[in-house]
């Protein structure tokens, strides 16, 4: 292999490693939230930098499949969740 290709390969691997580390390093909390809306229940899991962000994201995801339209999705997301389990890393 030519030296230029080796340098390019090392640079690409270093960049890929940095991107992976930075994207996974920010996720310090994981929450599983179960939401109920109009008699339907759904659970979802999300990760984020804080428990509050992870919980909000998981509830929004859980509500996305049981609510119809934006207004219902907002109402579902604002309702208290049925259950919340969070873990910090």
PDB file of N, CA and C in Angstrom:
ATOM      1  N   UNK A   1       0.834  -1.175   0.000  1.00  0.00           N
ATOM      2  CA  UNK A   1       0.000   0.000   0.000  1.00  0.00           C
ATOM      3  C   UNK A   1       0.882   1.242   0.000  1.00  0.00           C
ATOM      4  N   UNK A   2       0.412   2.243  -0.697  1.00  0.00           N
ATOM      5  CA  UNK A   2       1.159   3.491  -0.754  1.00  0.00           C
ATOM      6  C   UNK A   2       0.977   4.258   0.548  1.00  0.00           C
ATOM      7  N   UNK A   3       1.978   5.039   0.968  1.00  0.00           N
ATOM      8  CA  UNK A   3       1.887   5.794   2.220  1.00  0.00           C
ATOM      9  C   UNK A   3       0.703   6.757   2.255  1.00  0.00           C
ATOM     10  N   UNK A   4       0.356   7.336   1.129  1.00  0.00           N
ATOM     11  CA  UNK A   4      -0.781   8.263   1.086  1.00  0.00           C
ATOM     12  C   UNK A   4      -2.098   7.568   1.398  1.00  0.00           C
ATOM     13  N   UNK A   5      -2.246   6.348   0.919  1.00  0.00           N
ATOM     14  CA  UNK A   5      -3.467   5.592   1.193  1.00  0.00           C
ATOM     15  C   UNK A   5      -3.545   5.183   2.656  1.00  0.00           C
ATOM     16  N   UNK A   6      -2.424   4.842   3.237  1.00  0.00           N
ATOM     17  CA  UNK A   6      -2.393   4.473   4.655  1.00  0.00           C
ATOM     18  C   UNK A   6      -2.789   5.668   5.515  1.00  0.00           C
ATOM     19  N   UNK A   7      -2.252   6.828   5.212  1.00  0.00           N
ATOM     20  CA  UNK A   7      -2.590   8.045   5.961  1.00  0.00           C
ATOM     21  C   UNK A   7      -4.082   8.353   5.812  1.00  0.00           C
ATOM     22  N   UNK A   8      -4.603   8.242   4.608  1.00  0.00           N
ATOM     23  CA  UNK A   8      -6.026   8.498   4.378  1.00  0.00           C
ATOM     24  C   UNK A   8      -6.893   7.499   5.138  1.00  0.00           C
ATOM     25  N   UNK A   9      -6.505   6.221   5.134  1.00  0.00           N
ATOM     26  CA  UNK A   9      -7.256   5.195   5.847  1.00  0.00           C
ATOM     27  C   UNK A   9      -7.255   5.460   7.356  1.00  0.00           C
ATOM     28  N   UNK A  10      -6.111   5.818   7.898  1.00  0.00           N
ATOM     29  CA  UNK A  10      -6.012   6.126   9.328  1.00  0.00           C
ATOM     30  C   UNK A  10      -6.870   7.350   9.661  1.00  0.00           C
ATOM     31  N   UNK A  11      -6.852   8.356   8.812  1.00  0.00           N
ATOM     32  CA  UNK A  11      -7.656   9.559   9.045  1.00  0.00           C
ATOM     33  C   UNK A  11      -9.147   9.236   9.015  1.00  0.00           C
ATOM     34  N   UNK A  12      -9.574   8.405   8.076  1.00  0.00           N
ATOM     35  CA  UNK A  12     -10.987   8.022   7.987  1.00  0.00           C
ATOM     36  C   UNK A  12     -11.399   7.214   9.206  1.00  0.00           C
ATOM     37  N   UNK A  13     -10.577   6.282   9.639  1.00  0.00           N
ATOM     38  CA  UNK A  13     -10.889   5.492  10.834  1.00  0.00           C
ATOM     39  C   UNK A  13     -10.935   6.356  12.082  1.00  0.00           C
ATOM     40  N   UNK A  14     -10.026   7.321  12.188  1.00  0.00           N
ATOM     41  CA  UNK A  14     -10.027   8.235  13.344  1.00  0.00           C
ATOM     42  C   UNK A  14     -11.300   9.071  13.352  1.00  0.00           C
ATOM     43  N   UNK A  15     -11.719   9.579  12.203  1.00  0.00           N
ATOM     44  CA  UNK A  15     -12.943  10.371  12.115  1.00  0.00           C
ATOM     45  C   UNK A  15     -14.162   9.525  12.474  1.00  0.00           C
ATOM     46  N   UNK A  16     -14.232   8.318  11.950  1.00  0.00           N
ATOM     47  CA  UNK A  16     -15.352   7.430  12.262  1.00  0.00           C
ATOM     48  C   UNK A  16     -15.390   7.101  13.757  1.00  0.00           C
ATOM     49  N   UNK A  17     -14.236   6.845  14.347  1.00  0.00           N
ATOM     50  CA  UNK A  17     -14.174   6.576  15.787  1.00  0.00           C
ATOM     51  C   UNK A  17     -14.619   7.764  16.612  1.00  0.00           C
ATOM     52  N   UNK A  18     -14.204   8.967  16.211  1.00  0.00           N
ATOM     53  CA  UNK A  18     -14.608  10.174  16.933  1.00  0.00           C
ATOM     54  C   UNK A  18     -16.112  10.387  16.832  1.00  0.00           C
ATOM     55  N   UNK A  19     -16.683  10.209  15.649  1.00  0.00           N
ATOM     56  CA  UNK A  19     -18.131  10.388  15.486  1.00  0.00           C
ATOM     57  C   UNK A  19     -18.916   9.383  16.310  1.00  0.00           C
ATOM     58  N   UNK A  20     -18.471   8.155  16.338  1.00  0.00           N
ATOM     59  CA  UNK A  20     -19.134   7.130  17.146  1.00  0.00           C
ATOM     60  C   UNK A  20     -19.035   7.459  18.629  1.00  0.00           C
ATOM     61  N   UNK A  21     -17.849   7.848  19.078  1.00  0.00           N
ATOM     62  CA  UNK A  21     -17.653   8.186  20.485  1.00  0.00           C
ATOM     63  C   UNK A  21     -18.495   9.383  20.885  1.00  0.00           C
ATOM     64  N   UNK A  22     -18.538  10.417  20.057  1.00  0.00           N
ATOM     65  CA  UNK A  22     -19.277  11.628  20.427  1.00  0.00           C
ATOM     66  C   UNK A  22     -20.780  11.400  20.423  1.00  0.00           C
ATOM     67  N   UNK A  23     -21.282  10.575  19.508  1.00  0.00           N
ATOM     68  CA  UNK A  23     -22.726  10.337  19.468  1.00  0.00           C
ATOM     69  C   UNK A  23     -23.175   9.415  20.597  1.00  0.00           C
ATOM     70  N   UNK A  24     -22.389   8.431  20.951  1.00  0.00           N
ATOM     71  CA  UNK A  24     -22.760   7.523  22.033  1.00  0.00           C
ATOM     72  C   UNK A  24     -22.435   8.100  23.403  1.00  0.00           C
ATOM     73  N   UNK A  25     -21.442   8.953  23.486  1.00  0.00           N
ATOM     74  CA  UNK A  25     -21.047   9.531  24.760  1.00  0.00           C
ATOM     75  C   UNK A  25     -22.070  10.482  25.337  1.00  0.00           C
ATOM     76  N   UNK A  26     -22.883  11.091  24.487  1.00  0.00           N
ATOM     77  CA  UNK A  26     -23.876  12.051  24.960  1.00  0.00           C
ATOM     78  C   UNK A  26     -25.080  11.368  25.599  1.00  0.00           C
ATOM     79  N   UNK A  27     -25.252  10.096  25.352  1.00  0.00           N
ATOM     80  CA  UNK A  27     -26.419   9.380  25.871  1.00  0.00           C
ATOM     81  C   UNK A  27     -26.091   8.767  27.218  1.00  0.00           C
ATOM     82  N   UNK A  28     -26.484   9.457  28.253  1.00  0.00           N
ATOM     83  CA  UNK A  28     -26.152   9.016  29.597  1.00  0.00           C
ATOM     84  C   UNK A  28     -27.352   8.446  30.357  1.00  0.00           C
ATOM     85  N   UNK A  29     -28.558   8.622  29.827  1.00  0.00           N
ATOM     86  CA  UNK A  29     -29.749   8.107  30.494  1.00  0.00           C
ATOM     87  C   UNK A  29     -30.631   7.401  29.474  1.00  0.00           C
ATOM     88  N   UNK A  30     -31.240   6.299  29.901  1.00  0.00           N
ATOM     89  CA  UNK A  30     -32.176   5.556  29.066  1.00  0.00           C
ATOM     90  C   UNK A  30     -33.462   5.369  29.850  1.00  0.00           C
ATOM     91  N   UNK A  31     -34.588   5.687  29.221  1.00  0.00           N
ATOM     92  CA  UNK A  31     -35.885   5.540  29.881  1.00  0.00           C
ATOM     93  C   UNK A  31     -36.829   4.719  29.019  1.00  0.00           C
ATOM     94  N   UNK A  32     -37.626   3.898  29.694  1.00  0.00           N
ATOM     95  CA  UNK A  32     -38.719   3.159  29.041  1.00  0.00           C
ATOM     96  C   UNK A  32     -40.004   3.717  29.625  1.00  0.00           C
ATOM     97  N   UNK A  33     -40.863   4.224  28.761  1.00  0.00           N
ATOM     98  CA  UNK A  33     -42.103   4.868  29.180  1.00  0.00           C
ATOM     99  C   UNK A  33     -43.280   4.158  28.520  1.00  0.00           C
ATOM    100  N   UNK A  34     -44.318   3.910  29.315  1.00  0.00           N
ATOM    101  CA  UNK A  34     -45.566   3.376  28.783  1.00  0.00           C
ATOM    102  C   UNK A  34     -46.618   4.475  28.880  1.00  0.00           C
ATOM    103  N   UNK A  35     -47.239   4.781  27.754  1.00  0.00           N
ATOM    104  CA  UNK A  35     -48.259   5.822  27.694  1.00  0.00           C
ATOM    105  C   UNK A  35     -49.600   5.184  27.353  1.00  0.00           C
ATOM    106  N   UNK A  36     -50.671   5.797  27.845  1.00  0.00           N
ATOM    107  CA  UNK A  36     -52.016   5.330  27.536  1.00  0.00           C
ATOM    108  C   UNK A  36     -52.830   6.522  27.068  1.00  0.00           C
ATOM    109  N   UNK A  37     -53.530   6.325  25.958  1.00  0.00           N
ATOM    110  CA  UNK A  37     -54.347   7.391  25.401  1.00  0.00           C
ATOM    111  C   UNK A  37     -55.564   6.779  24.735  1.00  0.00           C
ATOM    112  N   UNK A  38     -56.728   7.227  25.126  1.00  0.00           N
ATOM    113  CA  UNK A  38     -58.010   6.758  24.599  1.00  0.00           C
ATOM    114  C   UNK A  38     -58.111   5.232  24.596  1.00  0.00           C
ATOM    115  N   UNK A  39     -57.709   4.633  25.704  1.00  0.00           N
ATOM    116  CA  UNK A  39     -57.837   3.189  25.882  1.00  0.00           C
ATOM    117  C   UNK A  39     -56.748   2.354  25.238  1.00  0.00           C
ATOM    118  N   UNK A  40     -55.826   2.974  24.551  1.00  0.00           N
ATOM    119  CA  UNK A  40     -54.724   2.234  23.943  1.00  0.00           C
ATOM    120  C   UNK A  40     -53.447   2.495  24.724  1.00  0.00           C
ATOM    121  N   UNK A  41     -52.608   1.486  24.801  1.00  0.00           N
ATOM    122  CA  UNK A  41     -51.347   1.606  25.545  1.00  0.00           C
ATOM    123  C   UNK A  41     -50.188   1.194  24.649  1.00  0.00           C
ATOM    124  N   UNK A  42     -49.073   1.927  24.771  1.00  0.00           N
ATOM    125  CA  UNK A  42     -47.869   1.610  24.018  1.00  0.00           C
ATOM    126  C   UNK A  42     -46.660   2.006  24.856  1.00  0.00           C
ATOM    127  N   UNK A  43     -45.588   1.253  24.726  1.00  0.00           N
ATOM    128  CA  UNK A  43     -44.350   1.541  25.442  1.00  0.00           C
ATOM    129  C   UNK A  43     -43.226   1.804  24.444  1.00  0.00           C
ATOM    130  N   UNK A  44     -42.276   2.655  24.852  1.00  0.00           N
ATOM    131  CA  UNK A  44     -41.130   2.965  24.000  1.00  0.00           C
ATOM    132  C   UNK A  44     -39.930   3.271  24.876  1.00  0.00           C
ATOM    133  N   UNK A  45     -38.741   3.106  24.312  1.00  0.00           N
ATOM    134  CA  UNK A  45     -37.483   3.364  25.007  1.00  0.00           C
ATOM    135  C   UNK A  45     -36.708   4.423  24.246  1.00  0.00           C
ATOM    136  N   UNK A  46     -36.051   5.325  24.994  1.00  0.00           N
ATOM    137  CA  UNK A  46     -35.226   6.360  24.365  1.00  0.00           C
ATOM    138  C   UNK A  46     -34.030   6.666  25.256  1.00  0.00           C
ATOM    139  N   UNK A  47     -32.961   7.154  24.632  1.00  0.00           N
ATOM    140  CA  UNK A  47     -31.746   7.557  25.342  1.00  0.00           C
ATOM    141  C   UNK A  47     -31.467   9.020  25.061  1.00  0.00           C
ATOM    142  N   UNK A  48     -30.909   9.695  26.071  1.00  0.00           N
ATOM    143  CA  UNK A  48     -30.558  11.111  25.920  1.00  0.00           C
ATOM    144  C   UNK A  48     -29.526  11.479  26.978  1.00  0.00           C
ATOM    145  N   UNK A  49     -29.110  12.728  26.968  1.00  0.00           N
ATOM    146  CA  UNK A  49     -28.100  13.200  27.910  1.00  0.00           C
ATOM    147  C   UNK A  49     -28.639  13.238  29.335  1.00  0.00           C
ATOM    148  N   UNK A  50     -29.934  13.527  29.509  1.00  0.00           N
ATOM    149  CA  UNK A  50     -30.530  13.587  30.846  1.00  0.00           C
ATOM    150  C   UNK A  50     -31.746  12.667  30.909  1.00  0.00           C
ATOM    151  N   UNK A  51     -32.141  12.315  32.124  1.00  0.00           N
ATOM    152  CA  UNK A  51     -33.325  11.468  32.294  1.00  0.00           C
ATOM    153  C   UNK A  51     -34.575  12.182  31.801  1.00  0.00           C
ATOM    154  N   UNK A  52     -34.672  13.474  32.063  1.00  0.00           N
ATOM    155  CA  UNK A  52     -35.852  14.240  31.648  1.00  0.00           C
ATOM    156  C   UNK A  52     -36.005  14.217  30.125  1.00  0.00           C
ATOM    157  N   UNK A  53     -34.903  14.419  29.401  1.00  0.00           N
ATOM    158  CA  UNK A  53     -34.949  14.386  27.935  1.00  0.00           C
ATOM    159  C   UNK A  53     -35.280  12.983  27.423  1.00  0.00           C
ATOM    160  N   UNK A  54     -34.696  11.968  28.046  1.00  0.00           N
ATOM    161  CA  UNK A  54     -34.962  10.586  27.632  1.00  0.00           C
ATOM    162  C   UNK A  54     -36.416  10.221  27.883  1.00  0.00           C
ATOM    163  N   UNK A  55     -36.954  10.646  29.022  1.00  0.00           N
ATOM    164  CA  UNK A  55     -38.349  10.352  29.337  1.00  0.00           C
ATOM    165  C   UNK A  55     -39.282  11.054  28.355  1.00  0.00           C
ATOM    166  N   UNK A  56     -39.011  12.320  28.060  1.00  0.00           N
ATOM    167  CA  UNK A  56     -39.843  13.076  27.124  1.00  0.00           C
ATOM    168  C   UNK A  56     -39.814  12.429  25.731  1.00  0.00           C
ATOM    169  N   UNK A  57     -38.630  12.029  25.288  1.00  0.00           N
ATOM    170  CA  UNK A  57     -38.494  11.418  23.970  1.00  0.00           C
ATOM    171  C   UNK A  57     -39.200  10.060  23.904  1.00  0.00           C
ATOM    172  N   UNK A  58     -39.070   9.258  24.954  1.00  0.00           N
ATOM    173  CA  UNK A  58     -39.726   7.946  24.985  1.00  0.00           C
ATOM    174  C   UNK A  58     -41.245   8.097  24.997  1.00  0.00           C
ATOM    175  N   UNK A  59     -41.757   9.065  25.751  1.00  0.00           N
ATOM    176  CA  UNK A  59     -43.200   9.260  25.795  1.00  0.00           C
ATOM    177  C   UNK A  59     -43.719   9.747  24.445  1.00  0.00           C
ATOM    178  N   UNK A  60     -42.989  10.638  23.818  1.00  0.00           N
ATOM    179  CA  UNK A  60     -43.388  11.124  22.496  1.00  0.00           C
ATOM    180  C   UNK A  60     -43.421   9.984  21.485  1.00  0.00           C
ATOM    181  N   UNK A  61     -42.439   9.104  21.548  1.00  0.00           N
ATOM    182  CA  UNK A  61     -42.391   7.950  20.646  1.00  0.00           C
ATOM    183  C   UNK A  61     -43.538   6.987  20.929  1.00  0.00           C
ATOM    184  N   UNK A  62     -43.811   6.741  22.206  1.00  0.00           N
ATOM    185  CA  UNK A  62     -44.912   5.848  22.572  1.00  0.00           C
ATOM    186  C   UNK A  62     -46.246   6.418  22.106  1.00  0.00           C
ATOM    187  N   UNK A  63     -46.416   7.713  22.223  1.00  0.00           N
ATOM    188  CA  UNK A  63     -47.671   8.351  21.818  1.00  0.00           C
ATOM    189  C   UNK A  63     -47.829   8.398  20.304  1.00  0.00           C
ATOM    190  N   UNK A  64     -46.731   8.366  19.590  1.00  0.00           N
ATOM    191  CA  UNK A  64     -46.793   8.476  18.135  1.00  0.00           C
ATOM    192  C   UNK A  64     -47.601   7.395  17.466  1.00  0.00           C
ATOM    193  N   UNK A  65     -47.648   6.210  18.047  1.00  0.00           N
ATOM    194  CA  UNK A  65     -48.379   5.104  17.416  1.00  0.00           C
ATOM    195  C   UNK A  65     -49.819   4.967  17.904  1.00  0.00           C
ATOM    196  N   UNK A  66     -50.155   5.616  19.017  1.00  0.00           N
ATOM    197  CA  UNK A  66     -51.522   5.465  19.528  1.00  0.00           C
ATOM    198  C   UNK A  66     -52.368   6.724  19.366  1.00  0.00           C
ATOM    199  N   UNK A  67     -51.761   7.833  19.017  1.00  0.00           N
ATOM    200  CA  UNK A  67     -52.507   9.075  18.804  1.00  0.00           C
ATOM    201  C   UNK A  67     -52.629   9.327  17.307  1.00  0.00           C
ATOM    202  N   UNK A  68     -53.744   9.946  16.932  1.00  0.00           N
ATOM    203  CA  UNK A  68     -53.961  10.273  15.520  1.00  0.00           C
ATOM    204  C   UNK A  68     -53.843  11.785  15.351  1.00  0.00           C
ATOM    205  N   UNK A  69     -52.878  12.196  14.600  1.00  0.00           N
ATOM    206  CA  UNK A  69     -52.723  13.618  14.331  1.00  0.00           C
ATOM    207  C   UNK A  69     -51.890  14.329  15.387  1.00  0.00           C
ATOM    208  N   UNK A  70     -51.527  15.559  15.078  1.00  0.00           N
ATOM    209  CA  UNK A  70     -50.651  16.337  15.948  1.00  0.00           C
ATOM    210  C   UNK A  70     -51.327  16.713  17.263  1.00  0.00           C
ATOM    211  N   UNK A  71     -52.588  17.122  17.222  1.00  0.00           N
ATOM    212  CA  UNK A  71     -53.274  17.552  18.443  1.00  0.00           C
ATOM    213  C   UNK A  71     -53.367  16.404  19.450  1.00  0.00           C
ATOM    214  N   UNK A  72     -53.748  15.216  18.988  1.00  0.00           N
ATOM    215  CA  UNK A  72     -53.835  14.062  19.889  1.00  0.00           C
ATOM    216  C   UNK A  72     -52.460  13.654  20.391  1.00  0.00           C
ATOM    217  N   UNK A  73     -51.463  13.740  19.542  1.00  0.00           N
ATOM    218  CA  UNK A  73     -50.102  13.392  19.946  1.00  0.00           C
ATOM    219  C   UNK A  73     -49.617  14.319  21.060  1.00  0.00           C
ATOM    220  N   UNK A  74     -49.927  15.598  20.956  1.00  0.00           N
ATOM    221  CA  UNK A  74     -49.539  16.566  21.993  1.00  0.00           C
ATOM    222  C   UNK A  74     -50.289  16.267  23.285  1.00  0.00           C
ATOM    223  N   UNK A  75     -51.592  15.988  23.188  1.00  0.00           N
ATOM    224  CA  UNK A  75     -52.365  15.673  24.398  1.00  0.00           C
ATOM    225  C   UNK A  75     -51.837  14.409  25.067  1.00  0.00           C
ATOM    226  N   UNK A  76     -51.514  13.405  24.282  1.00  0.00           N
ATOM    227  CA  UNK A  76     -50.968  12.158  24.827  1.00  0.00           C
ATOM    228  C   UNK A  76     -49.618  12.414  25.497  1.00  0.00           C
ATOM    229  N   UNK A  77     -48.768  13.190  24.852  1.00  0.00           N
ATOM    230  CA  UNK A  77     -47.436  13.485  25.401  1.00  0.00           C
ATOM    231  C   UNK A  77     -47.509  14.291  26.691  1.00  0.00           C
ATOM    232  N   UNK A  78     -48.561  15.095  26.842  1.00  0.00           N
ATOM    233  CA  UNK A  78     -48.712  15.908  28.052  1.00  0.00           C
ATOM    234  C   UNK A  78     -49.396  15.158  29.197  1.00  0.00           C
ATOM    235  N   UNK A  79     -49.995  14.015  28.903  1.00  0.00           N
ATOM    236  CA  UNK A  79     -50.648  13.218  29.949  1.00  0.00           C
ATOM    237  C   UNK A  79     -49.584  12.487  30.768  1.00  0.00           C
ATOM    238  N   UNK A  80     -49.875  12.246  32.050  1.00  0.00           N
ATOM    239  CA  UNK A  80     -48.916  11.489  32.866  1.00  0.00           C
ATOM    240  C   UNK A  80     -48.727  10.072  32.314  1.00  0.00           C
ATOM    241  N   UNK A  81     -47.493   9.589  32.253  1.00  0.00           N
ATOM    242  CA  UNK A  81     -47.271   8.235  31.739  1.00  0.00           C
ATOM    243  C   UNK A  81     -47.789   7.176  32.707  1.00  0.00           C
ATOM    244  N   UNK A  82     -48.093   6.005  32.164  1.00  0.00           N
ATOM    245  CA  UNK A  82     -48.555   4.872  32.979  1.00  0.00           C
ATOM    246  C   UNK A  82     -47.393   4.345  33.814  1.00  0.00           C
ATOM    247  N   UNK A  83     -46.226   4.228  33.190  1.00  0.00           N
ATOM    248  CA  UNK A  83     -45.047   3.770  33.915  1.00  0.00           C
ATOM    249  C   UNK A  83     -43.789   4.378  33.295  1.00  0.00           C
ATOM    250  N   UNK A  84     -42.775   4.549  34.155  1.00  0.00           N
ATOM    251  CA  UNK A  84     -41.488   5.107  33.727  1.00  0.00           C
ATOM    252  C   UNK A  84     -40.385   4.328  34.416  1.00  0.00           C
ATOM    253  N   UNK A  85     -39.422   3.857  33.636  1.00  0.00           N
ATOM    254  CA  UNK A  85     -38.230   3.208  34.177  1.00  0.00           C
ATOM    255  C   UNK A  85     -37.021   3.872  33.533  1.00  0.00           C
ATOM    256  N   UNK A  86     -36.180   4.499  34.349  1.00  0.00           N
ATOM    257  CA  UNK A  86     -34.989   5.172  33.813  1.00  0.00           C
ATOM    258  C   UNK A  86     -33.718   4.584  34.434  1.00  0.00           C
ATOM    259  N   UNK A  87     -32.677   4.539  33.632  1.00  0.00           N
ATOM    260  CA  UNK A  87     -31.373   4.046  34.080  1.00  0.00           C
ATOM    261  C   UNK A  87     -30.311   5.017  33.621  1.00  0.00           C
ATOM    262  N   UNK A  88     -29.388   5.336  34.495  1.00  0.00           N
ATOM    263  CA  UNK A  88     -28.268   6.206  34.139  1.00  0.00           C
ATOM    264  C   UNK A  88     -27.061   5.341  33.816  1.00  0.00           C
ATOM    265  N   UNK A  89     -26.275   5.809  32.898  1.00  0.00           N
ATOM    266  CA  UNK A  89     -25.044   5.080  32.529  1.00  0.00           C
ATOM    267  C   UNK A  89     -23.859   5.674  33.193  1.00  0.00           C
TER     268      UNK A  89
END
